[in-house]
């Protein structure tokens, strides 16, 4: 409950999880990190890795529900 209270506190400065900046590199304007999905160092790749890590954590969470035969949440999160 304290997490919700902390997040909803008026005047609380919150910072973004990720940031992409638009830079002028004459004669071009570029995003840093790049938004090119094929770039292995780009923003899309970073988000993909982050989401994959979160999904892999579902293997570590043991099911509490007695009616389910699945040992963890992988089946629900990764169809």
C-alpha atoms as a PDB file:
ATOM      1  CA  UNK A   1       0.000   0.000   0.000  1.00  0.00           C
ATOM      2  CA  UNK A   2       2.861   2.377   0.728  1.00  0.00           C
ATOM      3  CA  UNK A   3       4.013   2.021  -2.902  1.00  0.00           C
ATOM      4  CA  UNK A   4       0.702   3.460  -4.110  1.00  0.00           C
ATOM      5  CA  UNK A   5       0.802   6.215  -1.521  1.00  0.00           C
ATOM      6  CA  UNK A   6       4.345   7.170  -2.544  1.00  0.00           C
ATOM      7  CA  UNK A   7       3.455   7.204  -6.245  1.00  0.00           C
ATOM      8  CA  UNK A   8       0.309   9.269  -5.736  1.00  0.00           C
ATOM      9  CA  UNK A   9       1.846  11.881  -3.433  1.00  0.00           C
ATOM     10  CA  UNK A  10       1.139  15.382  -4.799  1.00  0.00           C
ATOM     11  CA  UNK A  11       4.246  17.323  -5.782  1.00  0.00           C
ATOM     12  CA  UNK A  12       6.394  14.215  -5.898  1.00  0.00           C
ATOM     13  CA  UNK A  13       9.027  14.395  -8.612  1.00  0.00           C
ATOM     14  CA  UNK A  14       8.947  11.265 -10.710  1.00  0.00           C
ATOM     15  CA  UNK A  15      11.536  10.391 -13.296  1.00  0.00           C
ATOM     16  CA  UNK A  16      11.069   8.424 -16.506  1.00  0.00           C
ATOM     17  CA  UNK A  17      12.276   4.849 -16.708  1.00  0.00           C
ATOM     18  CA  UNK A  18      13.842   5.501 -20.117  1.00  0.00           C
ATOM     19  CA  UNK A  19      14.804   8.553 -22.116  1.00  0.00           C
ATOM     20  CA  UNK A  20      15.389   9.195 -25.796  1.00  0.00           C
ATOM     21  CA  UNK A  21      16.905  12.543 -26.731  1.00  0.00           C
ATOM     22  CA  UNK A  22      16.756  14.367 -30.053  1.00  0.00           C
ATOM     23  CA  UNK A  23      20.212  15.775 -30.920  1.00  0.00           C
ATOM     24  CA  UNK A  24      21.368  18.050 -33.673  1.00  0.00           C
ATOM     25  CA  UNK A  25      24.410  16.506 -35.368  1.00  0.00           C
ATOM     26  CA  UNK A  26      24.866  18.708 -38.401  1.00  0.00           C
ATOM     27  CA  UNK A  27      23.498  18.271 -40.974  1.00  0.00           C
ATOM     28  CA  UNK A  28      21.200  15.681 -39.355  1.00  0.00           C
ATOM     29  CA  UNK A  29      18.885  15.428 -36.391  1.00  0.00           C
ATOM     30  CA  UNK A  30      19.279  12.082 -34.614  1.00  0.00           C
ATOM     31  CA  UNK A  31      17.714  10.244 -31.701  1.00  0.00           C
ATOM     32  CA  UNK A  32      20.061   9.087 -28.928  1.00  0.00           C
ATOM     33  CA  UNK A  33      19.783   6.157 -28.458  1.00  0.00           C
ATOM     34  CA  UNK A  34      18.611   5.379 -31.956  1.00  0.00           C
ATOM     35  CA  UNK A  35      15.020   4.306 -32.593  1.00  0.00           C
ATOM     36  CA  UNK A  36      16.037   1.986 -35.427  1.00  0.00           C
ATOM     37  CA  UNK A  37      14.594  -1.464 -34.578  1.00  0.00           C
ATOM     38  CA  UNK A  38      17.486  -3.240 -36.339  1.00  0.00           C
ATOM     39  CA  UNK A  39      20.212  -1.510 -34.259  1.00  0.00           C
ATOM     40  CA  UNK A  40      21.472  -3.823 -31.510  1.00  0.00           C
ATOM     41  CA  UNK A  41      22.469  -0.780 -29.419  1.00  0.00           C
ATOM     42  CA  UNK A  42      19.165   1.077 -29.932  1.00  0.00           C
ATOM     43  CA  UNK A  43      16.200   1.903 -27.749  1.00  0.00           C
ATOM     44  CA  UNK A  44      13.980  -0.812 -29.235  1.00  0.00           C
ATOM     45  CA  UNK A  45      16.580  -3.462 -28.391  1.00  0.00           C
ATOM     46  CA  UNK A  46      16.866  -2.112 -24.834  1.00  0.00           C
ATOM     47  CA  UNK A  47      13.085  -2.330 -24.331  1.00  0.00           C
ATOM     48  CA  UNK A  48      13.019  -5.822 -25.854  1.00  0.00           C
ATOM     49  CA  UNK A  49      15.685  -7.021 -23.408  1.00  0.00           C
ATOM     50  CA  UNK A  50      13.856  -5.392 -20.512  1.00  0.00           C
ATOM     51  CA  UNK A  51      10.539  -7.052 -21.408  1.00  0.00           C
ATOM     52  CA  UNK A  52      12.197 -10.439 -21.943  1.00  0.00           C
ATOM     53  CA  UNK A  53      13.829 -10.191 -18.512  1.00  0.00           C
ATOM     54  CA  UNK A  54      10.466  -9.407 -16.927  1.00  0.00           C
ATOM     55  CA  UNK A  55       8.853 -12.357 -18.702  1.00  0.00           C
ATOM     56  CA  UNK A  56      11.637 -14.702 -17.584  1.00  0.00           C
ATOM     57  CA  UNK A  57      10.955 -13.646 -13.998  1.00  0.00           C
ATOM     58  CA  UNK A  58       7.536 -15.270 -14.361  1.00  0.00           C
ATOM     59  CA  UNK A  59       9.349 -18.608 -14.107  1.00  0.00           C
ATOM     60  CA  UNK A  60      10.398 -17.704 -10.569  1.00  0.00           C
ATOM     61  CA  UNK A  61       6.892 -16.913  -9.302  1.00  0.00           C
ATOM     62  CA  UNK A  62       5.241 -20.024  -7.914  1.00  0.00           C
ATOM     63  CA  UNK A  63       1.501 -20.372  -8.535  1.00  0.00           C
ATOM     64  CA  UNK A  64      -0.636 -19.998  -5.435  1.00  0.00           C
ATOM     65  CA  UNK A  65      -3.948 -21.000  -7.013  1.00  0.00           C
ATOM     66  CA  UNK A  66      -4.897 -24.564  -6.135  1.00  0.00           C
ATOM     67  CA  UNK A  67      -7.111 -25.013  -9.223  1.00  0.00           C
ATOM     68  CA  UNK A  68      -4.210 -24.558 -11.675  1.00  0.00           C
ATOM     69  CA  UNK A  69      -1.902 -27.398 -12.630  1.00  0.00           C
ATOM     70  CA  UNK A  70       0.748 -24.974 -13.911  1.00  0.00           C
ATOM     71  CA  UNK A  71       3.730 -24.557 -11.544  1.00  0.00           C
ATOM     72  CA  UNK A  72       4.325 -20.887 -12.492  1.00  0.00           C
ATOM     73  CA  UNK A  73       2.928 -17.972 -14.539  1.00  0.00           C
ATOM     74  CA  UNK A  74       4.916 -18.592 -17.741  1.00  0.00           C
ATOM     75  CA  UNK A  75       1.950 -20.123 -19.596  1.00  0.00           C
ATOM     76  CA  UNK A  76      -0.200 -17.058 -18.927  1.00  0.00           C
ATOM     77  CA  UNK A  77       2.445 -14.474 -19.779  1.00  0.00           C
ATOM     78  CA  UNK A  78       4.095 -16.247 -22.719  1.00  0.00           C
ATOM     79  CA  UNK A  79       1.384 -17.929 -24.804  1.00  0.00           C
END
